[in-house]
Amino acid sequence: MLNFLQQNQIMDIAGLEEKVKDMYGRQFDIRDELKPVERRLKVLDEHIKQADIYLTHKGNKARTEAEEILFTAAGKYLKGVMNGKTTLPTKAWRAERDKLTAERNRPNGEYVSLKNEVKEVEKIRKSVDIIMREEMPRTQPKRTQDMEL
């Protein structure tokens, strides 16, 4: 606890509160940075999943009823995302997914690290708060007779 306070040159409660606020702000910034990447990855995963289903059953004429339903649904899905193109860009989708996954790993690792650090700082803040509450009654008069009027 003391080590963290010294490393961050925190000398008072206000400094600790400011550090916590900054950490939460950075955590929210990273989360916001990751949201569009996560959304795009979800879309790409669905495209790839549907393409795999479609390609698996495309040449098979003896499909079961369940396979036929999956094949037809995948075909309709892909028709909606292909914008008139006839060749499935599964290779491009996979490459984009791999690139985005790699890009996501850096801020995601930073986010997890920061999240763990925030947990530790919250423990410090709670400890300081407990200490402060214990000190308050000692410094205040115990009876109204002891108070100056």
C-alpha atoms as a PDB file:
ATOM      1  CA  MET A   1       0.000   0.000   0.000  1.00  0.00           C
ATOM      2  CA  LEU A   2       2.670   2.473   1.009  1.00  0.00           C
ATOM      3  CA  ASN A   3       4.737   1.476  -2.008  1.00  0.00           C
ATOM      4  CA  PHE A   4       1.876   2.366  -4.384  1.00  0.00           C
ATOM      5  CA  LEU A   5       1.296   5.687  -2.664  1.00  0.00           C
ATOM      6  CA  GLN A   6       4.993   6.560  -2.864  1.00  0.00           C
ATOM      7  CA  GLN A   7       5.376   5.445  -6.486  1.00  0.00           C
ATOM      8  CA  ASN A   8       2.470   7.646  -7.523  1.00  0.00           C
ATOM      9  CA  GLN A   9       3.506  10.508  -5.214  1.00  0.00           C
ATOM     10  CA  ILE A  10       0.164  10.450  -3.451  1.00  0.00           C
ATOM     11  CA  MET A  11       0.317  12.540  -0.293  1.00  0.00           C
ATOM     12  CA  ASP A  12      -3.334  12.895   0.688  1.00  0.00           C
ATOM     13  CA  ILE A  13      -6.864  11.605   0.185  1.00  0.00           C
ATOM     14  CA  ALA A  14      -7.477  14.053  -2.659  1.00  0.00           C
ATOM     15  CA  GLY A  15      -4.441  12.677  -4.496  1.00  0.00           C
ATOM     16  CA  LEU A  16      -5.659   9.124  -4.012  1.00  0.00           C
ATOM     17  CA  GLU A  17      -9.147  10.040  -5.227  1.00  0.00           C
ATOM     18  CA  GLU A  18      -7.647  11.754  -8.289  1.00  0.00           C
ATOM     19  CA  LYS A  19      -5.542   8.670  -9.077  1.00  0.00           C
ATOM     20  CA  VAL A  20      -8.596   6.408  -8.813  1.00  0.00           C
ATOM     21  CA  LYS A  21     -10.580   8.780 -11.045  1.00  0.00           C
ATOM     22  CA  ASP A  22      -7.787   8.783 -13.648  1.00  0.00           C
ATOM     23  CA  MET A  23      -7.567   5.001 -13.599  1.00  0.00           C
ATOM     24  CA  TYR A  24     -11.312   4.587 -14.092  1.00  0.00           C
ATOM     25  CA  GLY A  25     -11.198   7.157 -16.895  1.00  0.00           C
ATOM     26  CA  ARG A  26      -8.443   5.244 -18.679  1.00  0.00           C
ATOM     27  CA  GLN A  27     -10.310   1.989 -18.163  1.00  0.00           C
ATOM     28  CA  PHE A  28     -13.456   3.483 -19.752  1.00  0.00           C
ATOM     29  CA  ASP A  29     -11.394   4.911 -22.641  1.00  0.00           C
ATOM     30  CA  ILE A  30      -9.936   1.481 -23.389  1.00  0.00           C
ATOM     31  CA  ARG A  31     -13.362  -0.131 -23.141  1.00  0.00           C
ATOM     32  CA  ASP A  32     -14.755   2.421 -25.603  1.00  0.00           C
ATOM     33  CA  GLU A  33     -11.788   1.823 -27.916  1.00  0.00           C
ATOM     34  CA  LEU A  34     -12.483  -1.927 -27.882  1.00  0.00           C
ATOM     35  CA  LYS A  35     -16.248  -1.738 -28.507  1.00  0.00           C
ATOM     36  CA  PRO A  36     -16.162  -1.210 -32.297  1.00  0.00           C
ATOM     37  CA  VAL A  37     -13.460  -3.865 -32.681  1.00  0.00           C
ATOM     38  CA  GLU A  38     -15.523  -6.344 -30.673  1.00  0.00           C
ATOM     39  CA  ARG A  39     -18.635  -5.544 -32.743  1.00  0.00           C
ATOM     40  CA  ARG A  40     -16.753  -6.059 -36.017  1.00  0.00           C
ATOM     41  CA  LEU A  41     -15.231  -9.316 -34.760  1.00  0.00           C
ATOM     42  CA  LYS A  42     -18.698 -10.570 -33.869  1.00  0.00           C
ATOM     43  CA  VAL A  43     -19.933  -9.760 -37.385  1.00  0.00           C
ATOM     44  CA  LEU A  44     -16.912 -11.414 -38.996  1.00  0.00           C
ATOM     45  CA  ASP A  45     -17.329 -14.522 -36.850  1.00  0.00           C
ATOM     46  CA  GLU A  46     -20.952 -14.805 -37.984  1.00  0.00           C
ATOM     47  CA  HIS A  47     -19.988 -14.306 -41.650  1.00  0.00           C
ATOM     48  CA  ILE A  48     -17.320 -16.998 -41.378  1.00  0.00           C
ATOM     49  CA  LYS A  49     -19.628 -19.378 -39.508  1.00  0.00           C
ATOM     50  CA  GLN A  50     -22.364 -19.037 -42.146  1.00  0.00           C
ATOM     51  CA  ALA A  51     -19.849 -19.370 -44.998  1.00  0.00           C
ATOM     52  CA  ASP A  52     -18.457 -22.551 -43.434  1.00  0.00           C
ATOM     53  CA  ILE A  53     -21.957 -24.031 -43.132  1.00  0.00           C
ATOM     54  CA  TYR A  54     -22.784 -23.063 -46.700  1.00  0.00           C
ATOM     55  CA  LEU A  55     -19.536 -24.399 -48.171  1.00  0.00           C
ATOM     56  CA  THR A  56     -19.734 -27.634 -46.151  1.00  0.00           C
ATOM     57  CA  HIS A  57     -23.154 -28.502 -47.570  1.00  0.00           C
ATOM     58  CA  LYS A  58     -22.882 -26.852 -51.016  1.00  0.00           C
ATOM     59  CA  GLY A  59     -21.718 -29.862 -53.001  1.00  0.00           C
ATOM     60  CA  ASN A  60     -23.692 -32.413 -51.013  1.00  0.00           C
ATOM     61  CA  LYS A  61     -26.905 -33.292 -52.850  1.00  0.00           C
ATOM     62  CA  ALA A  62     -27.986 -35.864 -50.249  1.00  0.00           C
ATOM     63  CA  ARG A  63     -28.521 -33.453 -47.388  1.00  0.00           C
ATOM     64  CA  THR A  64     -30.653 -34.358 -44.386  1.00  0.00           C
ATOM     65  CA  GLU A  65     -33.585 -32.101 -43.599  1.00  0.00           C
ATOM     66  CA  ALA A  66     -31.585 -30.355 -40.859  1.00  0.00           C
ATOM     67  CA  GLU A  67     -28.613 -29.872 -43.204  1.00  0.00           C
ATOM     68  CA  GLU A  68     -30.924 -28.485 -45.889  1.00  0.00           C
ATOM     69  CA  ILE A  69     -32.355 -25.977 -43.412  1.00  0.00           C
ATOM     70  CA  LEU A  70     -28.873 -24.901 -42.324  1.00  0.00           C
ATOM     71  CA  PHE A  71     -27.674 -24.692 -45.951  1.00  0.00           C
ATOM     72  CA  THR A  72     -30.676 -22.599 -47.030  1.00  0.00           C
ATOM     73  CA  ALA A  73     -30.421 -20.273 -44.016  1.00  0.00           C
ATOM     74  CA  ALA A  74     -26.691 -19.801 -44.563  1.00  0.00           C
ATOM     75  CA  GLY A  75     -27.296 -19.066 -48.257  1.00  0.00           C
ATOM     76  CA  LYS A  76     -29.912 -16.428 -47.426  1.00  0.00           C
ATOM     77  CA  TYR A  77     -27.635 -14.864 -44.803  1.00  0.00           C
ATOM     78  CA  LEU A  78     -24.692 -14.706 -47.200  1.00  0.00           C
ATOM     79  CA  LYS A  79     -26.815 -13.317 -50.023  1.00  0.00           C
ATOM     80  CA  GLY A  80     -27.741 -10.458 -47.691  1.00  0.00           C
ATOM     81  CA  VAL A  81     -24.119  -9.587 -46.898  1.00  0.00           C
ATOM     82  CA  MET A  82     -22.522 -10.181 -50.303  1.00  0.00           C
ATOM     83  CA  ASN A  83     -23.910  -7.053 -52.021  1.00  0.00           C
ATOM     84  CA  GLY A  84     -24.216  -8.826 -55.369  1.00  0.00           C
ATOM     85  CA  LYS A  85     -20.774 -10.457 -55.275  1.00  0.00           C
ATOM     86  CA  THR A  86     -20.659 -14.102 -56.262  1.00  0.00           C
ATOM     87  CA  THR A  87     -17.432 -15.252 -54.600  1.00  0.00           C
ATOM     88  CA  LEU A  88     -17.364 -15.642 -50.839  1.00  0.00           C
ATOM     89  CA  PRO A  89     -14.511 -13.566 -49.359  1.00  0.00           C
ATOM     90  CA  THR A  90     -13.902 -16.015 -46.510  1.00  0.00           C
ATOM     91  CA  LYS A  91     -10.136 -15.632 -46.851  1.00  0.00           C
ATOM     92  CA  ALA A  92     -10.430 -11.838 -46.530  1.00  0.00           C
ATOM     93  CA  TRP A  93     -12.845 -12.183 -43.602  1.00  0.00           C
ATOM     94  CA  ARG A  94     -10.453 -14.501 -41.801  1.00  0.00           C
ATOM     95  CA  ALA A  95      -7.509 -12.174 -42.469  1.00  0.00           C
ATOM     96  CA  GLU A  96      -9.463  -9.189 -41.151  1.00  0.00           C
ATOM     97  CA  ARG A  97     -10.539 -11.183 -38.099  1.00  0.00           C
ATOM     98  CA  ASP A  98      -6.935 -12.198 -37.383  1.00  0.00           C
ATOM     99  CA  LYS A  99      -5.725  -8.604 -37.779  1.00  0.00           C
ATOM    100  CA  LEU A 100      -8.454  -7.218 -35.499  1.00  0.00           C
ATOM    101  CA  THR A 101      -7.814  -9.935 -32.926  1.00  0.00           C
ATOM    102  CA  ALA A 102      -4.140  -8.973 -32.828  1.00  0.00           C
ATOM    103  CA  GLU A 103      -5.049  -5.265 -32.564  1.00  0.00           C
ATOM    104  CA  ARG A 104      -7.492  -6.023 -29.762  1.00  0.00           C
ATOM    105  CA  ASN A 105      -4.960  -7.934 -27.681  1.00  0.00           C
ATOM    106  CA  ARG A 106      -2.810  -4.886 -26.801  1.00  0.00           C
ATOM    107  CA  PRO A 107      -5.563  -2.694 -25.353  1.00  0.00           C
ATOM    108  CA  ASN A 108      -7.341  -5.732 -23.937  1.00  0.00           C
ATOM    109  CA  GLY A 109      -4.186  -6.709 -22.022  1.00  0.00           C
ATOM    110  CA  GLU A 110      -3.827  -3.129 -20.814  1.00  0.00           C
ATOM    111  CA  TYR A 111      -7.498  -3.127 -19.786  1.00  0.00           C
ATOM    112  CA  VAL A 112      -7.132  -6.329 -17.755  1.00  0.00           C
ATOM    113  CA  SER A 113      -3.944  -5.049 -16.129  1.00  0.00           C
ATOM    114  CA  LEU A 114      -5.581  -1.720 -15.296  1.00  0.00           C
ATOM    115  CA  LYS A 115      -8.658  -3.493 -13.958  1.00  0.00           C
ATOM    116  CA  ASN A 116      -6.475  -5.490 -11.560  1.00  0.00           C
ATOM    117  CA  GLU A 117      -4.612  -2.346 -10.529  1.00  0.00           C
ATOM    118  CA  VAL A 118      -7.921  -0.562  -9.887  1.00  0.00           C
ATOM    119  CA  LYS A 119      -8.951  -3.442  -7.598  1.00  0.00           C
ATOM    120  CA  GLU A 120      -5.758  -2.976  -5.586  1.00  0.00           C
ATOM    121  CA  VAL A 121      -6.191   0.796  -5.427  1.00  0.00           C
ATOM    122  CA  GLU A 122      -9.782   0.335  -4.254  1.00  0.00           C
ATOM    123  CA  LYS A 123      -8.453  -1.844  -1.423  1.00  0.00           C
ATOM    124  CA  ILE A 124      -5.994   0.907  -0.536  1.00  0.00           C
ATOM    125  CA  ARG A 125      -8.724   3.517  -0.649  1.00  0.00           C
ATOM    126  CA  LYS A 126     -10.952   1.415   1.631  1.00  0.00           C
ATOM    127  CA  SER A 127      -8.062   0.880   4.051  1.00  0.00           C
ATOM    128  CA  VAL A 128      -7.349   4.605   4.155  1.00  0.00           C
ATOM    129  CA  ASP A 129     -11.047   5.285   4.684  1.00  0.00           C
ATOM    130  CA  ILE A 130     -11.161   2.828   7.604  1.00  0.00           C
ATOM    131  CA  ILE A 131      -8.076   4.427   9.147  1.00  0.00           C
ATOM    132  CA  MET A 132      -9.571   7.887   8.737  1.00  0.00           C
ATOM    133  CA  ARG A 133     -12.831   6.823  10.395  1.00  0.00           C
ATOM    134  CA  GLU A 134     -10.919   5.300  13.311  1.00  0.00           C
ATOM    135  CA  GLU A 135      -8.928   8.509  13.767  1.00  0.00           C
ATOM    136  CA  MET A 136     -11.950  10.836  13.687  1.00  0.00           C
ATOM    137  CA  PRO A 137     -13.525   9.843  17.014  1.00  0.00           C
ATOM    138  CA  ARG A 138     -10.192  10.261  18.808  1.00  0.00           C
ATOM    139  CA  THR A 139      -9.752  13.813  17.660  1.00  0.00           C
ATOM    140  CA  GLN A 140     -13.280  14.978  18.431  1.00  0.00           C
ATOM    141  CA  PRO A 141     -14.499  15.755  21.963  1.00  0.00           C
ATOM    142  CA  LYS A 142     -16.273  12.895  23.659  1.00  0.00           C
ATOM    143  CA  ARG A 143     -18.792  14.890  25.665  1.00  0.00           C
ATOM    144  CA  THR A 144     -20.560  18.111  25.141  1.00  0.00           C
ATOM    145  CA  GLN A 145     -19.012  19.385  28.400  1.00  0.00           C
ATOM    146  CA  ASP A 146     -15.564  19.212  26.818  1.00  0.00           C
ATOM    147  CA  MET A 147     -16.613  21.455  23.973  1.00  0.00           C
ATOM    148  CA  GLU A 148     -15.853  25.142  24.140  1.00  0.00           C
ATOM    149  CA  LEU A 149     -18.785  27.467  23.829  1.00  0.00           C
END
